[in-house]
Amino acid sequence: MARLDKWLWAARFFKTRSAAQQAVAGGKVKVNGERAKPAKDLRVGDELSVQIGETAWSLRVEQLSEQRGPATVARTLYREDEASRARREETAALRRLTREPARERAGRPTKRERRELDRWREH
């Protein structure tokens, strides 16, 4: 058996174990469809759903590990559903195609932009 937070860290879903603990405590990770605590013992065959930002993963635990190793080893710890992989690739493609308005500008608004914002807020 392996702790949930350590397994998520070892499988490289989170950079730190504390980040994994916070995600589990925040309800971003579910084990067999239910919320779990960071110290929950995982078993081979458990179904996980992991939400990281906009990305959602549906996984099946294939192997247990509490030691972080190379990414090639980490990928052997789980198997992702095909539907989950397709959704992730689709959302990634959409993100690449759309332009984010906040990237085009940086810093404070200009005087003209501020006046436009003020006019917009008044109406």
C-alpha atoms as a PDB file:
ATOM      1  CA  MET A   1       0.000   0.000   0.000  1.00  0.00           C
ATOM      2  CA  ALA A   2       1.113   3.564  -0.655  1.00  0.00           C
ATOM      3  CA  ARG A   3      -0.103   6.916   0.620  1.00  0.00           C
ATOM      4  CA  LEU A   4      -2.141   8.861  -1.919  1.00  0.00           C
ATOM      5  CA  ASP A   5      -0.097  12.067  -1.663  1.00  0.00           C
ATOM      6  CA  LYS A   6       3.217  10.224  -1.989  1.00  0.00           C
ATOM      7  CA  TRP A   7       1.956   8.229  -4.967  1.00  0.00           C
ATOM      8  CA  LEU A   8       0.755  11.384  -6.775  1.00  0.00           C
ATOM      9  CA  TRP A   9       4.161  12.947  -6.168  1.00  0.00           C
ATOM     10  CA  ALA A  10       6.003   9.792  -7.298  1.00  0.00           C
ATOM     11  CA  ALA A  11       3.814   9.573 -10.433  1.00  0.00           C
ATOM     12  CA  ARG A  12       4.829  13.197 -11.193  1.00  0.00           C
ATOM     13  CA  PHE A  13       1.389  14.776 -11.117  1.00  0.00           C
ATOM     14  CA  PHE A  14       2.695  17.343  -8.617  1.00  0.00           C
ATOM     15  CA  LYS A  15       6.153  18.829  -8.178  1.00  0.00           C
ATOM     16  CA  THR A  16       6.083  18.604  -4.395  1.00  0.00           C
ATOM     17  CA  ARG A  17       4.415  16.342  -1.924  1.00  0.00           C
ATOM     18  CA  SER A  18       2.888  19.323  -0.139  1.00  0.00           C
ATOM     19  CA  ALA A  19       1.272  20.420  -3.420  1.00  0.00           C
ATOM     20  CA  ALA A  20      -0.185  16.906  -3.717  1.00  0.00           C
ATOM     21  CA  GLN A  21      -1.476  17.101  -0.137  1.00  0.00           C
ATOM     22  CA  GLN A  22      -3.152  20.461  -0.797  1.00  0.00           C
ATOM     23  CA  ALA A  23      -4.810  19.165  -3.968  1.00  0.00           C
ATOM     24  CA  VAL A  24      -6.152  16.086  -2.192  1.00  0.00           C
ATOM     25  CA  ALA A  25      -7.369  18.122   0.792  1.00  0.00           C
ATOM     26  CA  GLY A  26      -8.988  20.617  -1.613  1.00  0.00           C
ATOM     27  CA  GLY A  27     -11.061  17.901  -3.273  1.00  0.00           C
ATOM     28  CA  LYS A  28      -9.140  17.929  -6.571  1.00  0.00           C
ATOM     29  CA  VAL A  29      -8.367  14.206  -6.304  1.00  0.00           C
ATOM     30  CA  LYS A  30     -10.958  11.457  -5.932  1.00  0.00           C
ATOM     31  CA  VAL A  31     -10.333   7.782  -5.268  1.00  0.00           C
ATOM     32  CA  ASN A  32     -12.967   5.401  -6.625  1.00  0.00           C
ATOM     33  CA  GLY A  33     -15.337   8.350  -7.058  1.00  0.00           C
ATOM     34  CA  GLU A  34     -15.049   9.645  -3.474  1.00  0.00           C
ATOM     35  CA  ARG A  35     -13.026  12.385  -1.827  1.00  0.00           C
ATOM     36  CA  ALA A  36     -10.017  11.119   0.070  1.00  0.00           C
ATOM     37  CA  LYS A  37      -7.470  12.311   2.583  1.00  0.00           C
ATOM     38  CA  PRO A  38      -3.768  12.637   1.732  1.00  0.00           C
ATOM     39  CA  ALA A  39      -2.887   9.622   3.912  1.00  0.00           C
ATOM     40  CA  LYS A  40      -5.382   7.302   2.149  1.00  0.00           C
ATOM     41  CA  ASP A  41      -3.799   3.971   1.273  1.00  0.00           C
ATOM     42  CA  LEU A  42      -3.888   3.242  -2.443  1.00  0.00           C
ATOM     43  CA  ARG A  43      -4.114  -0.238  -3.889  1.00  0.00           C
ATOM     44  CA  VAL A  44      -3.424  -1.519  -7.373  1.00  0.00           C
ATOM     45  CA  GLY A  45      -6.618  -1.196  -9.405  1.00  0.00           C
ATOM     46  CA  ASP A  46      -7.948   1.928  -7.673  1.00  0.00           C
ATOM     47  CA  GLU A  47      -9.580   4.476  -9.971  1.00  0.00           C
ATOM     48  CA  LEU A  48      -8.398   8.082  -9.571  1.00  0.00           C
ATOM     49  CA  SER A  49      -9.699  11.329 -10.979  1.00  0.00           C
ATOM     50  CA  VAL A  50      -7.221  14.185 -10.735  1.00  0.00           C
ATOM     51  CA  GLN A  51      -8.065  17.817 -11.554  1.00  0.00           C
ATOM     52  CA  ILE A  52      -5.042  20.082 -12.114  1.00  0.00           C
ATOM     53  CA  GLY A  53      -6.159  23.511 -13.268  1.00  0.00           C
ATOM     54  CA  GLU A  54      -8.246  22.976 -16.394  1.00  0.00           C
ATOM     55  CA  THR A  55      -6.786  19.523 -16.985  1.00  0.00           C
ATOM     56  CA  ALA A  56      -8.669  16.434 -15.792  1.00  0.00           C
ATOM     57  CA  TRP A  57      -7.158  12.949 -15.623  1.00  0.00           C
ATOM     58  CA  SER A  58      -8.985   9.620 -15.204  1.00  0.00           C
ATOM     59  CA  LEU A  59      -6.492   6.977 -14.092  1.00  0.00           C
ATOM     60  CA  ARG A  60      -6.180   3.396 -12.902  1.00  0.00           C
ATOM     61  CA  VAL A  61      -3.359   2.605 -10.477  1.00  0.00           C
ATOM     62  CA  GLU A  62      -1.101  -0.046 -12.049  1.00  0.00           C
ATOM     63  CA  GLN A  63       1.840  -0.039  -9.616  1.00  0.00           C
ATOM     64  CA  LEU A  64       2.594   1.440  -6.221  1.00  0.00           C
ATOM     65  CA  SER A  65       5.583   3.602  -5.384  1.00  0.00           C
ATOM     66  CA  GLU A  66       6.451   6.189  -2.764  1.00  0.00           C
ATOM     67  CA  GLN A  67       9.789   7.102  -4.351  1.00  0.00           C
ATOM     68  CA  ARG A  68      10.042   9.659  -7.105  1.00  0.00           C
ATOM     69  CA  GLY A  69      12.011   8.424 -10.071  1.00  0.00           C
ATOM     70  CA  PRO A  70      12.442   9.224 -13.750  1.00  0.00           C
ATOM     71  CA  ALA A  71       9.409  10.221 -15.800  1.00  0.00           C
ATOM     72  CA  THR A  72       9.604   6.980 -17.779  1.00  0.00           C
ATOM     73  CA  VAL A  73       9.180   5.002 -14.555  1.00  0.00           C
ATOM     74  CA  ALA A  74       6.447   7.339 -13.315  1.00  0.00           C
ATOM     75  CA  ARG A  75       4.359   6.634 -16.442  1.00  0.00           C
ATOM     76  CA  THR A  76       4.318   2.936 -15.594  1.00  0.00           C
ATOM     77  CA  LEU A  77       2.590   3.615 -12.260  1.00  0.00           C
ATOM     78  CA  TYR A  78      -0.775   4.358 -13.899  1.00  0.00           C
ATOM     79  CA  ARG A  79      -2.873   3.851 -17.009  1.00  0.00           C
ATOM     80  CA  GLU A  80      -5.027   6.666 -18.316  1.00  0.00           C
ATOM     81  CA  ASP A  81      -8.448   6.099 -19.883  1.00  0.00           C
ATOM     82  CA  GLU A  82      -8.615   6.721 -23.625  1.00  0.00           C
ATOM     83  CA  ALA A  83     -11.566   9.114 -23.166  1.00  0.00           C
ATOM     84  CA  SER A  84      -9.560  11.102 -20.623  1.00  0.00           C
ATOM     85  CA  ARG A  85      -6.546  11.290 -22.930  1.00  0.00           C
ATOM     86  CA  ALA A  86      -8.709  12.454 -25.847  1.00  0.00           C
ATOM     87  CA  ARG A  87     -10.328  15.184 -23.686  1.00  0.00           C
ATOM     88  CA  ARG A  88      -6.931  16.407 -22.483  1.00  0.00           C
ATOM     89  CA  GLU A  89      -5.488  16.533 -26.002  1.00  0.00           C
ATOM     90  CA  GLU A  90      -8.583  18.343 -27.287  1.00  0.00           C
ATOM     91  CA  THR A  91      -8.453  21.022 -24.581  1.00  0.00           C
ATOM     92  CA  ALA A  92      -4.698  21.445 -25.140  1.00  0.00           C
ATOM     93  CA  ALA A  93      -5.276  21.941 -28.872  1.00  0.00           C
ATOM     94  CA  LEU A  94      -8.001  24.517 -28.183  1.00  0.00           C
ATOM     95  CA  ARG A  95      -5.709  26.389 -25.793  1.00  0.00           C
ATOM     96  CA  ARG A  96      -2.989  26.534 -28.437  1.00  0.00           C
ATOM     97  CA  LEU A  97      -5.409  27.889 -31.047  1.00  0.00           C
ATOM     98  CA  THR A  98      -7.056  30.604 -28.959  1.00  0.00           C
ATOM     99  CA  ARG A  99      -5.236  33.795 -28.075  1.00  0.00           C
ATOM    100  CA  GLU A 100      -5.394  34.911 -24.511  1.00  0.00           C
ATOM    101  CA  PRO A 101      -6.199  38.639 -24.290  1.00  0.00           C
ATOM    102  CA  ALA A 102      -4.135  39.173 -21.157  1.00  0.00           C
ATOM    103  CA  ARG A 103      -0.943  38.132 -22.946  1.00  0.00           C
ATOM    104  CA  GLU A 104      -1.124  40.978 -25.426  1.00  0.00           C
ATOM    105  CA  ARG A 105      -0.800  43.701 -22.864  1.00  0.00           C
ATOM    106  CA  ALA A 106       1.279  44.110 -19.780  1.00  0.00           C
ATOM    107  CA  GLY A 107       1.295  46.599 -16.931  1.00  0.00           C
ATOM    108  CA  ARG A 108      -1.151  49.297 -16.044  1.00  0.00           C
ATOM    109  CA  PRO A 109      -3.804  50.584 -18.442  1.00  0.00           C
ATOM    110  CA  THR A 110      -2.998  53.691 -20.452  1.00  0.00           C
ATOM    111  CA  LYS A 111      -4.882  56.912 -19.833  1.00  0.00           C
ATOM    112  CA  ARG A 112      -7.092  56.213 -22.831  1.00  0.00           C
ATOM    113  CA  GLU A 113      -7.822  52.634 -21.705  1.00  0.00           C
ATOM    114  CA  ARG A 114      -8.604  53.850 -18.189  1.00  0.00           C
ATOM    115  CA  ARG A 115     -11.134  56.360 -19.534  1.00  0.00           C
ATOM    116  CA  GLU A 116     -12.752  53.630 -21.649  1.00  0.00           C
ATOM    117  CA  LEU A 117     -12.978  51.398 -18.584  1.00  0.00           C
ATOM    118  CA  ASP A 118     -14.537  54.209 -16.554  1.00  0.00           C
ATOM    119  CA  ARG A 119     -17.121  54.828 -19.303  1.00  0.00           C
ATOM    120  CA  TRP A 120     -17.878  51.119 -19.484  1.00  0.00           C
ATOM    121  CA  ARG A 121     -18.327  50.851 -15.705  1.00  0.00           C
ATOM    122  CA  GLU A 122     -20.680  53.872 -15.574  1.00  0.00           C
ATOM    123  CA  HIS A 123     -23.120  52.361 -18.085  1.00  0.00           C
END
